[in-house]
Protein backbone atom coordinates (compact mmCIF):
# COMPACT_ATOMS: atom_id res chain seq x y z
CA UNK A 1 32.10 46.28 18.37
CA UNK A 2 30.92 48.10 15.20
CA UNK A 3 33.38 49.66 12.79
CA UNK A 4 34.25 53.27 13.52
CA UNK A 5 35.01 53.89 9.87
CA UNK A 6 33.18 53.29 7.71
CA UNK A 7 30.34 53.05 10.17
CA UNK A 8 26.61 52.44 10.30
CA UNK A 9 25.17 55.57 12.00
CA UNK A 10 22.07 53.74 13.20
CA UNK A 11 24.10 50.93 14.74
CA UNK A 12 26.44 53.35 16.51
CA UNK A 13 23.49 55.27 17.92
CA UNK A 14 21.76 52.10 19.08
CA UNK A 15 24.81 50.61 20.77
CA UNK A 16 26.60 53.74 21.97
CA UNK A 17 26.38 52.89 25.68
CA UNK A 18 27.83 49.41 25.29
CA UNK A 19 30.48 50.74 22.90
CA UNK A 20 31.51 53.39 25.41
CA UNK A 21 31.83 50.75 28.16
CA UNK A 22 33.96 48.59 25.89
CA UNK A 23 36.23 51.46 24.96
CA UNK A 24 36.72 52.61 28.54
CA UNK A 25 37.55 49.08 29.67
CA UNK A 26 40.07 48.26 26.93
CA UNK A 27 43.07 49.40 28.98
CA UNK A 28 44.26 51.91 26.37
CA UNK A 29 46.43 54.81 27.52
CA UNK A 30 44.49 57.87 26.31
CA UNK A 31 45.22 61.58 26.28
CA UNK A 32 42.90 63.35 28.72
CA UNK A 33 41.50 66.68 27.51
CA UNK A 34 38.77 69.09 28.56
CA UNK A 35 36.36 70.26 25.86
CA UNK A 36 33.83 73.05 26.34
CA UNK A 37 30.81 72.74 24.02
CA UNK A 38 28.89 76.01 23.65
CA UNK A 39 25.65 75.31 21.84
CA UNK A 40 23.24 77.41 19.85
CA UNK A 41 20.97 74.35 19.78
CA UNK A 42 20.71 71.01 21.59
CA UNK A 43 24.13 69.38 22.00
CA UNK A 44 23.59 66.32 24.25
CA UNK A 45 23.47 63.74 21.46
CA UNK A 46 26.40 65.36 19.69
CA UNK A 47 28.56 65.25 22.83
CA UNK A 48 27.68 61.60 23.49
CA UNK A 49 28.63 60.55 19.96
CA UNK A 50 31.72 62.77 19.88
CA UNK A 51 32.95 61.03 23.02
CA UNK A 52 32.85 57.64 21.27
CA UNK A 53 34.91 58.83 18.31
CA UNK A 54 37.46 60.55 20.54
CA UNK A 55 37.86 57.50 22.78
CA UNK A 56 38.39 55.40 19.66
CA UNK A 57 41.14 57.79 18.54
CA UNK A 58 42.97 57.68 21.87
CA UNK A 59 41.50 60.79 23.52
CA UNK A 60 39.50 60.72 26.75
CA UNK A 61 37.38 63.88 26.92
CA UNK A 62 35.84 65.68 29.86
CA UNK A 63 33.00 67.92 28.67
CA UNK A 64 31.47 71.20 29.73
CA UNK A 65 28.13 72.00 28.04
CA UNK A 66 26.31 75.28 27.97
CA UNK A 67 22.57 75.33 28.47
CA UNK A 68 20.40 75.39 25.36
CA UNK A 69 21.22 78.40 23.15
CA UNK A 70 23.39 80.00 25.84
CA UNK A 71 26.60 79.81 23.80
CA UNK A 72 27.15 83.57 23.63
CA UNK A 73 26.27 84.25 27.26
CA UNK A 74 28.59 81.49 28.50
CA UNK A 75 31.40 82.62 26.23
CA UNK A 76 31.16 86.18 27.42
CA UNK A 77 30.26 85.86 31.10
CA UNK A 78 30.33 82.32 32.56
CA UNK A 79 32.66 81.93 35.52
CA UNK A 80 31.92 78.19 35.54
CA UNK A 81 33.38 77.93 32.03
CA UNK A 82 36.50 79.77 33.09
CA UNK A 83 36.89 77.60 36.19
CA UNK A 84 36.60 74.52 33.95
CA UNK A 85 39.75 75.66 32.09
CA UNK A 86 39.07 73.86 28.82
CA UNK A 87 41.80 72.64 26.50
CA UNK A 88 39.45 73.27 23.56
CA UNK A 89 36.27 75.23 22.95
CA UNK A 90 33.75 74.07 20.36
CA UNK A 91 31.00 76.50 19.33
CA UNK A 92 28.05 74.63 17.86
CA UNK A 93 26.03 77.21 16.00
CA UNK A 94 24.12 76.98 12.72
CA UNK A 95 22.11 79.22 10.43
CA UNK A 96 19.30 79.02 12.99
CA UNK A 97 21.48 81.26 15.20
CA UNK A 98 21.57 84.07 12.65
CA UNK A 99 19.42 86.66 14.37
CA UNK A 100 18.50 88.81 11.36
CA UNK A 101 18.34 88.09 7.64
CA UNK A 102 18.02 90.71 4.88
CA UNK A 103 14.56 91.89 3.84
CA UNK A 104 13.62 92.81 0.29
CA UNK A 105 13.07 96.45 1.24
CA UNK A 106 16.69 96.87 2.42
CA UNK A 107 19.36 98.71 0.46
CA UNK A 108 22.79 97.25 -0.20
CA UNK A 109 24.28 99.43 2.54
CA UNK A 110 21.66 98.24 5.03
CA UNK A 111 22.38 94.59 4.22
CA UNK A 112 26.12 95.22 4.59
CA UNK A 113 25.51 96.78 8.01
CA UNK A 114 23.37 93.77 8.97
CA UNK A 115 26.17 91.44 7.89
CA UNK A 116 28.83 93.32 9.85
CA UNK A 117 26.60 93.33 12.93
CA UNK A 118 26.14 89.57 12.69
CA UNK A 119 29.84 88.96 12.13
CA UNK A 120 30.69 91.28 15.03
CA UNK A 121 28.46 89.18 17.28
CA UNK A 122 30.76 86.24 16.65
CA UNK A 123 34.14 87.99 16.51
CA UNK A 124 33.46 89.70 19.84
CA UNK A 125 32.80 86.27 21.35
CA UNK A 126 35.90 84.69 19.76
CA UNK A 127 38.14 87.52 20.95
CA UNK A 128 36.77 87.23 24.49
CA UNK A 129 37.34 83.47 24.58
CA UNK A 130 40.87 83.89 23.23
CA UNK A 131 41.70 86.50 25.87
CA UNK A 132 40.20 84.57 28.79
CA UNK A 133 40.96 80.94 27.96
CA UNK A 134 43.95 80.94 25.57
CA UNK A 135 42.95 77.63 24.02
CA UNK A 136 42.06 76.48 20.49
CA UNK A 137 38.56 77.40 19.31
CA UNK A 138 36.60 75.26 16.85
CA UNK A 139 33.66 77.05 15.25
CA UNK A 140 30.99 75.68 12.90
CA UNK A 141 30.49 77.70 9.76
CA UNK A 142 26.90 78.00 8.51
CA UNK A 143 25.03 75.50 6.39
CA UNK A 144 22.95 76.87 3.52
CA UNK A 145 19.29 77.69 4.18
CA UNK A 146 16.57 75.07 3.90
CA UNK A 147 14.59 77.27 1.51
CA UNK A 148 15.28 80.11 -0.95
CA UNK A 149 12.93 83.07 -1.27
CA UNK A 150 14.43 84.13 -4.58
CA UNK A 151 15.02 80.70 -6.04
CA UNK A 152 18.24 80.50 -8.06
CA UNK A 153 18.74 84.26 -7.73
CA UNK A 154 19.09 83.82 -3.94
CA UNK A 155 22.83 83.20 -4.28
CA UNK A 156 23.56 86.34 -6.34
CA UNK A 157 21.14 88.98 -5.04
CA UNK A 158 22.30 90.73 -1.86
CA UNK A 159 18.83 90.20 -0.39
CA UNK A 160 19.11 86.41 -0.65
CA UNK A 161 19.75 84.18 2.36
CA UNK A 162 22.14 82.05 0.35
CA UNK A 163 24.14 85.18 -0.47
CA UNK A 164 24.03 86.40 3.12
CA UNK A 165 25.19 83.09 4.60
CA UNK A 166 27.95 82.75 2.01
CA UNK A 167 29.26 86.22 2.84
CA UNK A 168 29.02 85.53 6.58
CA UNK A 169 30.98 82.30 6.12
CA UNK A 170 33.65 84.24 4.23
CA UNK A 171 33.93 86.53 7.25
CA UNK A 172 34.53 83.43 9.40
CA UNK A 173 37.21 82.24 6.98
CA UNK A 174 38.94 85.63 6.95
CA UNK A 175 39.08 85.57 10.76
CA UNK A 176 40.47 82.02 10.72
CA UNK A 177 43.14 82.95 8.18
CA UNK A 178 44.60 85.65 10.42
CA UNK A 179 44.02 84.02 13.84
CA UNK A 180 46.16 81.34 15.44
CA UNK A 181 44.31 78.46 17.11
CA UNK A 182 41.00 79.18 15.43
CA UNK A 183 39.55 76.39 13.30
CA UNK A 184 36.44 75.99 11.16
CA UNK A 185 34.29 72.89 11.34
CA UNK A 186 32.92 72.90 7.81
CA UNK A 187 29.27 71.92 8.21
CA UNK A 188 28.53 73.84 5.01
CA UNK A 189 30.45 71.15 3.11
CA UNK A 190 29.27 68.31 5.35
CA UNK A 191 25.59 69.19 4.95
CA UNK A 192 26.02 69.37 1.17
CA UNK A 193 27.81 66.02 1.15
CA UNK A 194 25.12 64.29 3.21
CA UNK A 195 22.20 66.13 1.64
CA UNK A 196 20.85 69.46 2.83
CA UNK A 197 17.26 68.23 2.93
CA UNK A 198 18.22 65.37 5.26
CA UNK A 199 20.48 67.63 7.32
CA UNK A 200 17.86 70.34 7.88
CA UNK A 201 14.85 68.07 8.38
CA UNK A 202 12.61 70.40 10.44
CA UNK A 203 11.16 67.51 12.44
CA UNK A 204 14.25 67.30 14.61
CA UNK A 205 14.32 71.05 15.21
CA UNK A 206 10.64 71.25 16.06
CA UNK A 207 10.72 68.19 18.32
CA UNK A 208 14.14 68.38 19.96
CA UNK A 209 15.80 71.62 18.88
CA UNK A 210 18.60 69.80 17.05
CA UNK A 211 20.00 71.93 14.23
CA UNK A 212 21.31 68.79 12.53
CA UNK A 213 18.98 65.86 11.98
CA UNK A 214 19.48 63.21 14.65
CA UNK A 215 20.29 60.35 12.21
CA UNK A 216 23.22 62.42 10.90
CA UNK A 217 24.76 63.17 14.30
CA UNK A 218 27.33 60.34 13.98
CA UNK A 219 28.56 61.85 10.69
CA UNK A 220 28.73 65.27 12.35
CA UNK A 221 30.60 63.95 15.40
CA UNK A 222 33.04 61.93 13.28
CA UNK A 223 33.91 65.00 11.21
CA UNK A 224 34.38 67.13 14.33
CA UNK A 225 36.47 64.49 16.09
CA UNK A 226 39.01 64.60 13.27
CA UNK A 227 39.84 68.22 14.09
CA UNK A 228 40.57 67.41 17.74
CA UNK A 229 42.53 64.30 16.74
CA UNK A 230 44.63 66.33 14.31
CA UNK A 231 45.34 69.01 16.90
CA UNK A 232 46.59 66.27 19.22
CA UNK A 233 48.82 64.62 16.61
CA UNK A 234 46.61 61.60 15.93
CA UNK A 235 46.90 61.90 12.16
CA UNK A 236 48.17 59.02 10.07
CA UNK A 237 51.52 59.46 8.33
CA UNK A 238 51.82 56.76 5.66
CA UNK A 239 49.77 55.34 2.79
CA UNK A 240 50.84 51.75 2.07
CA UNK A 241 49.45 51.02 -1.38
CA UNK A 242 48.73 47.82 -3.22
CA UNK A 243 49.24 48.00 -7.01
CA UNK A 244 47.13 45.56 -9.06
CA UNK A 245 43.51 46.69 -9.23
CA UNK A 246 44.31 49.43 -6.70
CA UNK A 247 46.56 51.90 -8.52
CA UNK A 248 45.71 50.46 -11.92
CA UNK A 249 43.26 48.03 -13.46
CA UNK A 250 44.62 44.57 -14.17
CA UNK A 251 47.51 42.42 -12.98
CA UNK A 252 50.85 43.68 -14.24
CA UNK A 253 52.57 40.30 -13.91
CA UNK A 254 49.91 38.56 -16.03
CA UNK A 255 48.79 41.28 -18.42
CA UNK A 256 52.02 43.23 -18.86
CA UNK A 257 52.36 46.96 -18.22
CA UNK A 258 51.16 47.81 -21.73
CA UNK A 259 47.72 46.26 -21.11
CA UNK A 260 46.95 47.85 -17.75
CA UNK A 261 43.76 49.91 -17.41
CA UNK A 262 45.40 53.29 -16.99
CA UNK A 263 44.98 56.45 -19.03
CA UNK A 264 42.30 58.25 -20.99
CA UNK A 265 42.10 55.72 -23.83
CA UNK A 266 41.40 52.63 -21.71
CA UNK A 267 38.04 51.71 -20.11
CA UNK A 268 38.25 52.62 -16.39
CA UNK A 269 41.73 54.01 -17.02
CA UNK A 270 40.60 57.56 -16.29
CA UNK A 271 39.27 56.57 -12.86
CA UNK A 272 42.59 55.00 -11.92
CA UNK A 273 44.47 58.08 -13.12
CA UNK A 274 42.23 60.29 -11.00
CA UNK A 275 42.91 58.09 -7.98
CA UNK A 276 46.65 58.27 -8.60
CA UNK A 277 46.40 62.06 -8.84
CA UNK A 278 44.56 62.13 -5.50
CA UNK A 279 47.23 59.94 -3.90
CA UNK A 280 50.07 62.03 -5.30
CA UNK A 281 48.47 65.19 -3.90
CA UNK A 282 48.79 63.72 -0.39
CA UNK A 283 52.56 64.17 -0.64
CA UNK A 284 51.97 67.92 -0.39
CA UNK A 285 50.73 67.31 3.17
CA UNK A 286 53.85 65.35 4.08
CA UNK A 287 52.12 61.96 3.74
CA UNK A 288 54.64 59.23 2.92
CA UNK A 289 53.71 56.94 0.03
CA UNK A 290 54.89 53.33 0.07
CA UNK A 291 54.15 50.24 -2.01
CA UNK A 292 53.01 46.97 -0.44
CA UNK A 293 52.32 44.55 -3.30
CA UNK A 294 52.58 40.86 -4.05
CA UNK A 295 54.54 41.20 -7.25
CA UNK A 296 57.96 40.75 -8.74
CA UNK A 297 59.86 43.97 -8.14
CA UNK A 298 60.62 44.53 -11.81
CA UNK A 299 56.95 44.14 -12.74
CA UNK A 300 55.96 46.65 -10.08
CA UNK A 301 58.48 49.17 -11.43
CA UNK A 302 57.25 48.56 -14.99
CA UNK A 303 53.69 49.33 -13.89
CA UNK A 304 54.75 52.48 -12.07
CA UNK A 305 56.61 53.61 -15.18
CA UNK A 306 53.49 53.30 -17.35
CA UNK A 307 53.47 56.37 -19.63
CA UNK A 308 49.90 57.28 -18.63
CA UNK A 309 50.48 56.81 -14.90
CA UNK A 310 50.59 59.79 -12.56
CA UNK A 311 52.58 58.07 -9.82
CA UNK A 312 56.18 57.15 -10.62
CA UNK A 313 58.74 55.09 -8.64
CA UNK A 314 60.37 58.27 -7.29
CA UNK A 315 57.11 59.29 -5.63
CA UNK A 316 57.44 56.43 -3.14
CA UNK A 317 59.60 56.45 -0.04
CA UNK A 318 59.73 52.63 0.02
CA UNK A 319 58.66 49.99 -2.50
CA UNK A 320 57.93 46.55 -1.08
CA UNK A 321 57.03 44.41 -4.09
CA UNK A 322 57.69 40.74 -3.29
CA UNK A 323 55.85 37.56 -2.29
CA UNK A 324 56.11 37.97 1.47
CA UNK A 325 52.91 38.38 3.55
CA UNK A 326 51.72 41.96 3.31
CA UNK A 327 51.52 42.21 7.08
CA UNK A 328 55.25 41.45 7.22
CA UNK A 329 56.01 44.06 4.57
CA UNK A 330 53.99 46.70 6.41
CA UNK A 331 55.69 45.83 9.70
CA UNK A 332 59.06 46.15 7.97
CA UNK A 333 58.00 49.44 6.39
CA UNK A 334 57.18 50.83 9.84
CA UNK A 335 60.58 49.74 11.17
CA UNK A 336 62.51 51.23 8.26
CA UNK A 337 60.67 54.53 8.61
CA UNK A 338 61.04 54.47 12.42
CA UNK A 339 57.29 54.84 12.77
CA UNK A 340 54.64 52.83 14.58
CA UNK A 341 52.35 50.58 12.51
CA UNK A 342 49.32 52.58 13.66
CA UNK A 343 50.69 55.49 11.63
CA UNK A 344 49.89 53.55 8.44
CA UNK A 345 46.77 53.37 6.27
CA UNK A 346 46.78 50.22 4.12
CA UNK A 347 44.99 50.57 0.76
CA UNK A 348 44.19 47.29 -1.02
CA UNK A 349 41.26 46.17 -3.17
CA UNK A 350 41.45 42.62 -1.75
CA UNK A 351 39.25 42.21 1.37
CA UNK A 352 41.12 39.07 2.46
CA UNK A 353 44.45 40.91 2.46
CA UNK A 354 42.92 43.80 4.40
CA UNK A 355 41.54 41.48 7.06
CA UNK A 356 44.82 39.61 7.44
CA UNK A 357 46.72 42.87 7.90
CA UNK A 358 44.17 44.32 10.33
CA UNK A 359 44.18 41.08 12.30
CA UNK A 360 47.96 41.23 12.63
CA UNK A 361 48.80 44.93 12.96
CA UNK A 362 47.05 48.03 14.39
CA UNK A 363 46.66 49.68 10.98
CA UNK A 364 43.65 51.22 9.25
CA UNK A 365 42.54 49.30 6.15
CA UNK A 366 39.30 50.81 4.81
CA UNK A 367 37.17 48.81 2.34
CA UNK A 368 38.06 49.70 -1.24
CA UNK A 369 35.01 48.36 -3.02
CA UNK A 370 35.26 49.89 -6.50
CA UNK A 371 37.61 52.32 -8.20
CA UNK A 372 34.84 54.93 -8.43
CA UNK A 373 34.63 55.03 -4.61
CA UNK A 374 38.35 54.90 -3.75
CA UNK A 375 38.83 58.67 -3.45
CA UNK A 376 35.62 59.14 -1.48
CA UNK A 377 36.53 56.37 0.97
CA UNK A 378 39.96 57.79 1.80
CA UNK A 379 38.88 61.41 1.76
CA UNK A 380 35.91 60.91 4.05
CA UNK A 381 38.06 58.89 6.45
CA UNK A 382 39.88 62.09 7.44
CA UNK A 383 43.12 60.22 8.03
CA UNK A 384 45.28 63.25 7.18
CA UNK A 385 43.12 66.10 8.52
CA UNK A 386 45.15 69.33 8.42
CA UNK A 387 45.01 71.81 11.29
CA UNK A 388 48.64 72.94 11.33
CA UNK A 389 51.06 72.80 8.43
CA UNK A 390 54.79 73.48 8.49
CA UNK A 391 57.55 73.85 5.93
CA UNK A 392 58.94 70.48 7.00
CA UNK A 393 55.73 68.78 5.86
CA UNK A 394 56.48 69.81 2.29
CA UNK A 395 59.83 68.02 2.35
CA UNK A 396 59.03 64.94 4.45
CA UNK A 397 59.23 62.45 1.59
CA UNK A 398 62.67 63.72 0.60
CA UNK A 399 63.84 63.58 4.22
CA UNK A 400 62.89 59.91 4.54
CA UNK A 401 64.53 59.10 1.21
CA UNK A 402 67.71 60.72 2.50
CA UNK A 403 67.48 58.47 5.55
CA UNK A 404 67.45 55.47 3.23
CA UNK A 405 70.67 56.75 1.64
CA UNK A 406 72.22 57.11 5.08
CA UNK A 407 71.28 53.52 5.90
CA UNK A 408 72.99 52.29 2.72
CA UNK A 409 76.10 54.27 3.58
CA UNK A 410 76.23 52.90 7.12
CA UNK A 411 76.69 49.34 5.84
CA UNK A 412 80.00 50.37 4.23
CA UNK A 413 81.62 51.28 7.58
CA UNK A 414 82.98 48.80 10.11
CA UNK A 415 83.20 51.47 12.82
CA UNK A 416 79.95 53.25 13.70
CA UNK A 417 81.73 56.35 14.96
CA UNK A 418 83.51 56.69 11.63
CA UNK A 419 80.16 56.40 9.90
CA UNK A 420 78.71 59.22 12.02
CA UNK A 421 81.74 61.40 11.27
CA UNK A 422 81.34 60.70 7.55
CA UNK A 423 77.84 62.20 7.65
CA UNK A 424 79.38 65.63 8.39
CA UNK A 425 76.52 66.48 10.74
CA UNK A 426 75.76 70.02 11.85
CA UNK A 427 73.16 71.02 14.39
CA UNK A 428 71.56 74.31 15.31
CA UNK A 429 70.24 74.11 18.87
CA UNK A 430 68.55 77.22 20.19
CA UNK A 431 65.58 78.69 22.02
CA UNK A 432 62.19 78.62 20.36
CA UNK A 433 61.30 81.47 18.01
CA UNK A 434 57.98 82.70 16.59
CA UNK A 435 58.91 81.30 13.20
CA UNK A 436 59.43 77.72 14.42
CA UNK A 437 56.76 77.57 17.13
CA UNK A 438 54.22 75.81 14.91
CA UNK A 439 56.71 73.07 13.96
CA UNK A 440 57.77 72.63 17.60
CA UNK A 441 54.13 72.23 18.62
CA UNK A 442 53.50 69.78 15.80
CA UNK A 443 56.47 67.66 16.83
CA UNK A 444 55.29 67.48 20.46
CA UNK A 445 52.00 66.02 19.29
CA UNK A 446 53.40 63.55 16.76
CA UNK A 447 56.38 62.02 18.59
CA UNK A 448 55.38 58.97 20.62
CA UNK A 449 58.40 56.67 20.81
CA UNK A 450 61.34 58.92 21.74
CA UNK A 451 59.30 60.95 24.22
CA UNK A 452 59.95 60.56 27.95
CA UNK A 453 56.75 62.18 29.24
CA UNK A 454 54.50 62.15 26.13
CA UNK A 455 53.04 65.46 27.22
CA UNK A 456 50.96 67.13 24.51
CA UNK A 457 50.91 70.88 23.84
CA UNK A 458 48.40 72.91 21.91
CA UNK A 459 49.61 76.00 20.10
CA UNK A 460 48.29 78.10 22.97
CA UNK A 461 50.13 75.97 25.53
CA UNK A 462 53.35 76.36 23.58
CA UNK A 463 52.91 80.11 23.23
CA UNK A 464 52.59 80.38 27.01
CA UNK A 465 55.78 78.35 27.50
CA UNK A 466 57.53 80.48 24.88
CA UNK A 467 56.58 83.74 26.58
CA UNK A 468 57.40 82.62 30.13
CA UNK A 469 60.81 83.34 31.75
CA UNK A 470 60.34 80.24 33.93
CA UNK A 471 61.44 77.79 31.23
CA UNK A 472 64.57 76.73 29.41
CA UNK A 473 63.49 75.78 25.89
CA UNK A 474 65.57 74.11 23.20
CA UNK A 475 64.77 72.96 19.70
CA UNK A 476 67.34 71.21 17.57
CA UNK A 477 67.71 71.15 13.78
CA UNK A 478 70.06 68.58 12.23
CA UNK A 479 71.55 68.52 8.76
CA UNK A 480 74.23 66.44 7.08
CA UNK A 481 75.71 65.95 3.64
CA UNK A 482 72.51 64.24 2.45
CA UNK A 483 70.22 67.10 3.43
CA UNK A 484 68.39 69.01 6.16
CA UNK A 485 66.26 66.94 8.55
CA UNK A 486 64.53 70.04 9.88
CA UNK A 487 63.63 70.46 13.56
CA UNK A 488 63.96 67.01 15.09
CA UNK A 489 64.26 67.46 18.86
CA UNK A 490 62.56 69.52 21.56
CA UNK A 491 63.39 69.93 25.26
CA UNK A 492 61.40 72.00 27.74
CA UNK A 493 62.55 72.43 31.34
CA UNK A 494 60.79 74.39 34.07
CA UNK A 495 63.02 76.32 36.49
CA UNK A 496 62.51 76.22 40.25
CA UNK A 497 65.33 78.04 41.96
CA UNK A 498 68.51 76.04 41.34
CA UNK A 499 66.56 73.08 39.93
CA UNK A 500 65.42 72.45 36.37
CA UNK A 501 62.49 70.04 35.98
CA UNK A 502 62.22 68.54 32.48
CA UNK A 503 58.61 68.65 31.29
CA UNK A 504 59.37 67.36 27.81
CA UNK A 505 62.19 65.62 25.99
CA UNK A 506 61.49 64.20 22.58
CA UNK A 507 63.17 63.47 19.28
CA UNK A 508 61.99 62.46 15.85
CA UNK A 509 62.69 58.80 15.24
CA UNK A 510 64.10 59.55 11.80
CA UNK A 511 67.35 60.71 13.47
CA UNK A 512 67.73 57.88 15.96
CA UNK A 513 71.25 56.69 16.76
CA UNK A 514 72.83 59.84 15.38
CA UNK A 515 73.88 61.28 18.81
CA UNK A 516 71.48 64.21 18.46
CA UNK A 517 70.17 63.50 21.96
CA UNK A 518 73.72 63.95 23.33
CA UNK A 519 74.10 67.25 21.51
CA UNK A 520 70.80 68.40 23.03
CA UNK A 521 71.94 67.29 26.51
CA UNK A 522 75.26 69.15 26.23
CA UNK A 523 73.46 72.34 25.19
CA UNK A 524 70.82 71.94 27.91
CA UNK A 525 73.44 71.60 30.65
CA UNK A 526 75.38 74.56 29.29
CA UNK A 527 72.27 76.76 29.29
CA UNK A 528 71.20 75.48 32.73
CA UNK A 529 74.59 76.39 34.24
CA UNK A 530 74.38 79.81 32.65
CA UNK A 531 71.03 80.35 34.43
CA UNK A 532 72.24 79.12 37.83
CA UNK A 533 70.78 75.61 37.72
CA UNK A 534 72.65 73.05 39.81
CA UNK A 535 70.34 70.03 39.48
CA UNK A 536 68.39 68.79 36.46
CA UNK A 537 65.46 66.45 37.13
CA UNK A 538 64.20 64.06 34.49
CA UNK A 539 60.97 62.09 34.44
CA UNK A 540 60.02 58.98 32.51
CA UNK A 541 56.32 58.11 32.26
CA UNK A 542 55.83 54.75 30.51
CA UNK A 543 53.33 54.33 27.70
CA UNK A 544 52.71 51.52 25.25
CA UNK A 545 54.92 53.31 22.73
CA UNK A 546 57.89 54.92 24.51
CA UNK A 547 59.76 51.93 25.94
CA UNK A 548 62.85 52.85 23.91
CA UNK A 549 63.55 55.81 26.26
CA UNK A 550 62.95 53.97 29.52
CA UNK A 551 66.66 54.21 30.41
CA UNK A 552 67.43 57.42 28.52
CA UNK A 553 68.30 59.45 31.60
CA UNK A 554 70.37 56.58 32.98
CA UNK A 555 72.30 56.46 29.71
CA UNK A 556 72.84 60.20 30.06
CA UNK A 557 74.46 59.69 33.48
CA UNK A 558 71.48 60.74 35.62
CA UNK A 559 70.99 59.00 38.97
CA UNK A 560 67.64 57.22 39.47
CA UNK A 561 65.93 58.69 42.56
CA UNK A 562 62.64 56.79 42.62
CA UNK A 563 60.35 54.41 40.74
CA UNK A 564 56.71 53.69 41.51
CA UNK A 565 54.55 50.62 40.87
CA UNK A 566 53.48 51.91 37.46
CA UNK A 567 57.07 52.30 36.28
CA UNK A 568 57.23 56.11 36.53
CA UNK A 569 60.80 57.10 37.33
CA UNK A 570 62.53 60.22 38.60
CA UNK A 571 66.17 60.98 37.77
CA UNK A 572 68.67 63.68 38.78
CA UNK A 573 71.87 65.08 37.28
CA UNK A 574 74.20 67.54 38.98
CA UNK A 575 75.46 70.10 36.49
CA UNK A 576 78.75 70.70 38.29
CA UNK A 577 81.60 68.86 36.60
CA UNK A 578 79.50 67.75 33.65
CA UNK A 579 81.54 66.74 30.58
CA UNK A 580 80.17 66.99 27.07
CA UNK A 581 79.12 63.69 25.52
CA UNK A 582 78.53 64.55 21.85
CA UNK A 583 81.52 63.61 19.70
CA UNK A 584 80.16 63.57 16.17
CA UNK A 585 77.94 66.64 15.61
CA UNK A 586 79.17 70.20 15.13
CA UNK A 587 76.72 72.36 17.09
CA UNK A 588 75.88 75.92 16.03
CA UNK A 589 78.90 76.14 13.74
């Protein structure tokens, strides 16, 4: 099977049918989602290629497609679209769907009116879709025009098409900035990156009514797929970085830190500094940085303390610099961070090391061919695509470092209960609120291991749960003397008379074995009793990743009611006579 990144667009196009068969037969447990594609031009090839990239990323799509150039009519009036009940809507328009451009005889006021009319055409459609479907909307912005009537002045004169499209795009961005669940697919950037002349090749419009040239459809679909993957929590979380000839030029153990290619005065040193700056910026997104290097530890630290280096030892959550196989170090990194190996992107200049790691673990290891291409390779891979961003993301590195301190402290206690008490843990467990809804949604899409049903929620789904009186909702924040872990646990139960059916129970793995799950259970039972619930039902749906919670409800004291051939289990707990189980966390104090 060809690589999905980096990929050969021609090879993917040629083999897409066989690739699809292989993906569908691989036995992977994928998230099933419905995607409505409303096209202002031909969309068949785009949908076919998008399906491949989504399947590869663990998403099995079911598509609805509008007829050619019927995007607006379907959005506004189609009952079939509404009966389809999509989880996402993608609107595939381009500058060919701009109905009127400025003419040289127009005044500034007339052009402004033309712009507002065009923007209104789209905002009316977006508002209608939001009201009727309550699901995330992904909208292309506009690529720049294929030709410029005014030449270079086209971007500055209000009559110019470049100016008009730029202002229209800004209107799209302003709408996105103030609207939840509305996302821009940036084909303006993508077309510039790939080459506007190639992108807008009129042959493919004249022959097939494709607004993007057919050879570039794989690039288009890959870019678009990253938005859906991000919305469904498929982002990577960790960069595991080699050191020698990856973060700096040279071998620190042989050359010494003072002779490394790093800094403005050394040949190639500037390129390595730029790459380090790019890597350090990822921390702002909550990406965890780790070291995975065959080196003596002291040499690695000496290299990271180079006076011209941007990255310092304190920027890394874990530093694995030793002579063990890198696959073993990455596996250990995943365990220490309580993450799955597939959350990791391995960055190493050595192709042999990359292949060994990829052959051993399900990690991404893109080819790092030369320092000049390192940033481009990682950036274009879209591993950390941002659709939602929370306050916790800003502090993730510090949270994981605090966990390392807790692990050190644990080793000093013979009794585990005494250790838990020494942490001086406090929890706030309460109903969802508008201010934490984004983080709650994010957690539901990122937690795979401690997650009994692995149900995924979009922001719209979560808003509906939040507004409904039919649910008991709890989110738990845990802090201790080392720091605040943020929101780490979510429970959603749907009421049916005197029964509460648990739709979701999850917890961040960074607070495993801290009794937070017991604190959540105590609070859930208390709230259930308050609302007249006599029986709580729990479900466990097995996946490849959530085996750790197979017996969670049994450990809680639930009675197993049934189990089917696939391992799905149903459990029940009577609320009468329940006794609190949490002994080590002060809740809402």
